[in-house]
Amino acid sequence: MSHFDKCIYVTASQQCLHFAQWFKVVELMGYDFYDKLVHVPYGMVSIDGAKLATRTGNVILIRDLIDAAVEKVGAVIEEKNPDLENKEQVAQDVGVGAIVFHYLLNSRIKDTNFIMDDALSFDGSTGPYAQYTYARTCSLIEKAGDVGAAKVKITEPSEAELMKTLSRFEEAVDGALRDYEPSTVTRYILDVCVAFNRFYQDCKILGATDEETRSSRVALVKATNVVLGSALPLICLKTPRKI
């Protein structure tokens, strides 16, 4: 008898045949847990186009990669926001997050080419972009003060698009669990960020012309904050409130 619900092996895709054979052997041997064994393959990783391989000596330690990312983010903070509180911790959170996000952006079965400058960009499909969007929602909520509970009133297309995107959170998480595919959540986070920043550009939030509209839009910001604050940790990203 097995004492687990599921046993998941996460290895490179080159081992797919090995695990298919191994699971079949377990089944033929009569073990009742054979159908609880799962192989989750992933593609190979290269850095700046060079494949990593211990046999050829092309090895980059993850701690060295993290140190380089944190250093680069720290330099950006010193240039853009030198008075930021806890800037060393923020640099750590954003630097590590950039690496994780970049790796989880595409389907796990695809080969990944890690390019540091691309991963650390605050524009485009990156971890810093997602974390900055979350920090922007925090800033707006802080500036808005206590507006109480408010119903969302849709007056602009970008508001409706953001609402629809936020409503897909549960679907994205369920899909990621079902398919063992973290990129489903990563891509969803980007969808939320794009929809929110379009809403931010299209609609006056704190400066709305009437209190009902202002409260409604602040409620949308709060909903975005909750979703991003829940989604980012699912892929092991921190949620700094200021960047």
Protein backbone atom coordinates (compact mmCIF):
# COMPACT_ATOMS: atom_id res chain seq x y z
CA MET A 1 0.00 0.00 0.00
CA SER A 2 1.22 3.53 -0.79
CA HIS A 3 1.19 6.32 1.74
CA PHE A 4 0.99 9.20 -0.72
CA ASP A 5 -1.65 10.71 -2.96
CA LYS A 6 0.70 11.42 -5.85
CA CYS A 7 4.42 11.10 -6.51
CA ILE A 8 5.69 13.68 -9.00
CA TYR A 9 9.11 13.39 -10.67
CA VAL A 10 10.33 16.67 -12.16
CA THR A 11 13.26 16.15 -14.55
CA ALA A 12 14.53 17.15 -17.98
CA SER A 13 12.48 15.94 -20.94
CA GLN A 14 15.32 13.65 -22.05
CA GLN A 15 14.22 11.24 -19.32
CA CYS A 16 10.63 10.80 -20.56
CA LEU A 17 11.27 7.29 -21.92
CA HIS A 18 13.00 6.21 -18.71
CA PHE A 19 10.04 7.18 -16.56
CA ALA A 20 7.48 5.71 -18.94
CA GLN A 21 9.34 2.39 -18.72
CA TRP A 22 9.78 2.65 -14.96
CA PHE A 23 6.06 3.34 -14.37
CA LYS A 24 5.13 0.37 -16.58
CA VAL A 25 7.47 -1.90 -14.64
CA VAL A 26 5.85 -0.80 -11.38
CA GLU A 27 2.44 -1.60 -12.84
CA LEU A 28 3.52 -5.05 -14.09
CA MET A 29 5.00 -5.81 -10.68
CA GLY A 30 1.53 -5.38 -9.23
CA TYR A 31 2.05 -2.32 -7.08
CA ASP A 32 -1.25 -0.52 -6.58
CA PHE A 33 0.32 2.95 -6.63
CA TYR A 34 1.53 2.78 -10.25
CA ASP A 35 -1.22 5.18 -11.35
CA LYS A 36 -0.14 7.74 -8.74
CA LEU A 37 3.28 8.21 -10.34
CA VAL A 38 3.65 11.28 -12.56
CA HIS A 39 6.58 12.51 -14.60
CA VAL A 40 6.66 16.27 -15.23
CA PRO A 41 9.34 17.00 -17.86
CA TYR A 42 10.86 20.37 -18.60
CA GLY A 43 13.06 21.78 -21.36
CA MET A 44 16.74 22.57 -21.20
CA VAL A 45 18.13 25.87 -19.93
CA SER A 46 20.77 27.98 -21.63
CA ILE A 47 22.18 31.34 -20.61
CA ASP A 48 22.91 33.88 -23.31
CA GLY A 49 22.59 31.07 -25.86
CA ALA A 50 25.09 28.73 -24.16
CA LYS A 51 23.67 25.44 -22.92
CA LEU A 52 24.51 24.47 -19.37
CA ALA A 53 26.21 21.09 -19.02
CA THR A 54 28.37 19.70 -16.23
CA ARG A 55 30.10 17.31 -18.63
CA THR A 56 31.46 20.15 -20.74
CA GLY A 57 32.25 22.33 -17.73
CA ASN A 58 29.73 25.02 -18.72
CA VAL A 59 28.18 25.52 -15.29
CA ILE A 60 26.73 28.66 -13.75
CA LEU A 61 25.78 28.47 -10.08
CA ILE A 62 22.32 29.79 -9.23
CA ARG A 63 23.75 31.86 -6.36
CA ASP A 64 26.03 33.66 -8.82
CA LEU A 65 23.07 34.34 -11.13
CA ILE A 66 21.00 35.65 -8.23
CA ASP A 67 23.85 37.86 -6.99
CA ALA A 68 24.23 39.39 -10.45
CA ALA A 69 20.49 40.02 -10.77
CA VAL A 70 20.23 41.60 -7.32
CA GLU A 71 23.22 43.83 -8.05
CA LYS A 72 21.68 45.06 -11.31
CA VAL A 73 18.31 45.77 -9.67
CA GLY A 74 20.07 47.56 -6.82
CA ALA A 75 21.80 49.81 -9.34
CA VAL A 76 18.44 50.67 -10.96
CA ILE A 77 16.94 51.52 -7.56
CA GLU A 78 19.90 53.76 -6.70
CA GLU A 79 19.36 55.61 -9.97
CA LYS A 80 15.56 55.84 -10.00
CA ASN A 81 14.52 55.79 -6.33
CA PRO A 82 17.54 56.15 -4.01
CA ASP A 83 15.37 57.08 -0.99
CA LEU A 84 13.35 53.86 -1.15
CA GLU A 85 12.93 52.17 2.23
CA ASN A 86 14.42 48.68 2.61
CA LYS A 87 15.99 49.02 -0.83
CA GLU A 88 18.37 46.10 -0.25
CA GLN A 89 15.43 43.78 0.47
CA VAL A 90 13.49 45.13 -2.50
CA ALA A 91 16.51 44.55 -4.76
CA GLN A 92 16.68 40.96 -3.47
CA ASP A 93 12.95 40.38 -4.00
CA VAL A 94 12.89 41.85 -7.50
CA GLY A 95 16.19 40.28 -8.60
CA VAL A 96 15.21 36.77 -7.53
CA GLY A 97 11.70 37.29 -8.86
CA ALA A 98 13.06 38.29 -12.27
CA ILE A 99 14.92 34.99 -12.60
CA VAL A 100 11.98 32.87 -11.46
CA PHE A 101 9.46 34.71 -13.61
CA HIS A 102 11.64 34.49 -16.71
CA TYR A 103 12.08 30.75 -16.24
CA LEU A 104 8.35 30.13 -15.67
CA LEU A 105 7.11 32.38 -18.45
CA ASN A 106 6.95 29.80 -21.23
CA SER A 107 5.63 26.26 -21.26
CA ARG A 108 7.83 24.06 -19.07
CA ILE A 109 8.53 21.67 -21.96
CA LYS A 110 10.14 24.42 -24.06
CA ASP A 111 13.86 25.13 -23.91
CA THR A 112 14.66 28.38 -22.10
CA ASN A 113 17.35 30.89 -23.02
CA PHE A 114 17.97 33.16 -20.05
CA ILE A 115 19.10 36.68 -20.96
CA MET A 116 19.71 38.82 -17.89
CA ASP A 117 18.88 42.23 -19.39
CA ASP A 118 15.58 40.93 -20.78
CA ALA A 119 14.59 39.33 -17.48
CA LEU A 120 15.34 42.48 -15.45
CA SER A 121 13.45 44.91 -17.66
CA PHE A 122 10.57 46.82 -16.04
CA ASP A 123 8.80 46.83 -19.41
CA GLY A 124 7.27 43.85 -21.14
CA SER A 125 6.71 40.28 -19.98
CA THR A 126 8.93 40.29 -16.89
CA GLY A 127 8.84 39.77 -13.15
CA PRO A 128 9.84 43.37 -12.35
CA TYR A 129 6.94 44.59 -14.52
CA ALA A 130 4.50 42.38 -12.60
CA GLN A 131 5.89 43.37 -9.19
CA TYR A 132 5.90 47.06 -10.14
CA THR A 133 2.24 46.79 -11.17
CA TYR A 134 1.42 45.28 -7.78
CA ALA A 135 3.33 48.10 -6.06
CA ARG A 136 1.35 50.62 -8.11
CA THR A 137 -1.93 49.20 -6.81
CA CYS A 138 -0.57 49.47 -3.25
CA SER A 139 0.32 53.12 -3.80
CA LEU A 140 -3.12 53.97 -5.20
CA ILE A 141 -4.88 52.24 -2.31
CA GLU A 142 -2.75 54.10 0.22
CA LYS A 143 -3.48 57.45 -1.45
CA ALA A 144 -7.20 56.71 -1.74
CA GLY A 145 -7.65 56.26 1.99
CA ASP A 146 -10.72 54.58 3.44
CA VAL A 147 -13.44 54.62 0.79
CA GLY A 148 -15.47 51.80 2.32
CA ALA A 149 -17.25 49.09 0.35
CA ALA A 150 -18.26 50.13 -3.14
CA LYS A 151 -19.99 48.49 -6.06
CA VAL A 152 -18.11 48.49 -9.34
CA LYS A 153 -19.78 50.59 -11.97
CA ILE A 154 -18.51 49.95 -15.50
CA THR A 155 -18.29 53.09 -17.62
CA GLU A 156 -15.24 52.42 -19.80
CA PRO A 157 -14.18 49.40 -21.94
CA SER A 158 -10.90 49.06 -20.04
CA GLU A 159 -12.82 48.68 -16.77
CA ALA A 160 -14.86 45.83 -18.24
CA GLU A 161 -11.73 44.15 -19.62
CA LEU A 162 -10.02 44.33 -16.24
CA MET A 163 -13.07 42.86 -14.50
CA LYS A 164 -13.20 39.95 -16.95
CA THR A 165 -9.49 39.29 -16.56
CA LEU A 166 -9.68 39.29 -12.76
CA SER A 167 -12.56 36.81 -12.88
CA ARG A 168 -10.31 34.23 -14.59
CA PHE A 169 -8.03 33.77 -11.59
CA GLU A 170 -9.57 30.54 -10.33
CA GLU A 171 -9.62 29.12 -13.86
CA ALA A 172 -5.91 29.89 -14.30
CA VAL A 173 -4.96 28.22 -11.02
CA ASP A 174 -7.08 25.14 -11.76
CA GLY A 175 -5.47 24.84 -15.20
CA ALA A 176 -1.97 25.10 -13.76
CA LEU A 177 -2.70 22.34 -11.24
CA ARG A 178 -4.34 20.09 -13.78
CA ASP A 179 -1.56 20.37 -16.35
CA TYR A 180 1.41 20.74 -13.97
CA GLU A 181 2.06 23.96 -15.86
CA PRO A 182 3.14 27.01 -13.79
CA SER A 183 3.36 29.17 -16.92
CA THR A 184 -0.45 29.23 -16.92
CA VAL A 185 -0.31 31.36 -13.76
CA THR A 186 2.64 33.41 -15.02
CA ARG A 187 0.84 34.27 -18.25
CA TYR A 188 -2.32 35.08 -16.33
CA ILE A 189 -0.39 37.50 -14.10
CA LEU A 190 0.80 39.31 -17.23
CA ASP A 191 -2.78 39.48 -18.53
CA VAL A 192 -3.86 41.11 -15.26
CA CYS A 193 -0.96 43.58 -15.38
CA VAL A 194 -1.68 44.57 -18.99
CA ALA A 195 -5.40 45.00 -18.29
CA PHE A 196 -4.74 47.01 -15.14
CA ASN A 197 -2.19 49.34 -16.71
CA ARG A 198 -4.54 49.98 -19.64
CA PHE A 199 -7.28 50.82 -17.12
CA TYR A 200 -4.81 53.04 -15.26
CA GLN A 201 -3.99 54.93 -18.47
CA ASP A 202 -7.58 55.22 -19.71
CA CYS A 203 -9.43 56.12 -16.53
CA LYS A 204 -9.00 58.78 -13.88
CA ILE A 205 -9.02 56.92 -10.57
CA LEU A 206 -8.28 59.20 -7.62
CA GLY A 207 -9.17 62.23 -9.73
CA ALA A 208 -12.50 60.89 -11.02
CA THR A 209 -15.17 63.52 -11.58
CA ASP A 210 -17.64 62.12 -9.02
CA GLU A 211 -17.39 60.14 -5.80
CA GLU A 212 -19.32 57.12 -7.09
CA THR A 213 -16.95 56.68 -10.02
CA ARG A 214 -13.92 57.24 -7.79
CA SER A 215 -15.08 54.62 -5.27
CA SER A 216 -15.86 52.16 -8.05
CA ARG A 217 -12.42 52.52 -9.61
CA VAL A 218 -10.66 52.27 -6.26
CA ALA A 219 -12.59 49.04 -5.72
CA LEU A 220 -11.21 47.76 -9.02
CA VAL A 221 -7.70 48.68 -7.89
CA LYS A 222 -8.27 46.80 -4.62
CA ALA A 223 -9.51 43.74 -6.51
CA THR A 224 -6.40 43.82 -8.71
CA ASN A 225 -4.24 44.14 -5.60
CA VAL A 226 -5.85 41.05 -4.05
CA VAL A 227 -5.51 38.95 -7.21
CA LEU A 228 -1.87 39.91 -7.86
CA GLY A 229 -1.09 39.57 -4.17
CA SER A 230 -2.42 36.02 -4.33
CA ALA A 231 -1.05 35.05 -7.75
CA LEU A 232 2.55 36.23 -7.44
CA PRO A 233 3.37 34.00 -4.43
CA LEU A 234 2.02 31.00 -6.35
CA ILE A 235 5.09 31.25 -8.58
CA CYS A 236 7.34 32.15 -5.63
CA LEU A 237 7.52 35.90 -6.26
CA LYS A 238 7.53 38.40 -3.40
CA THR A 239 5.09 41.29 -3.31
CA PRO A 240 7.00 44.47 -2.42
CA ARG A 241 4.61 47.33 -1.73
CA LYS A 242 7.09 49.93 -2.99
CA ILE A 243 9.74 49.72 -5.70
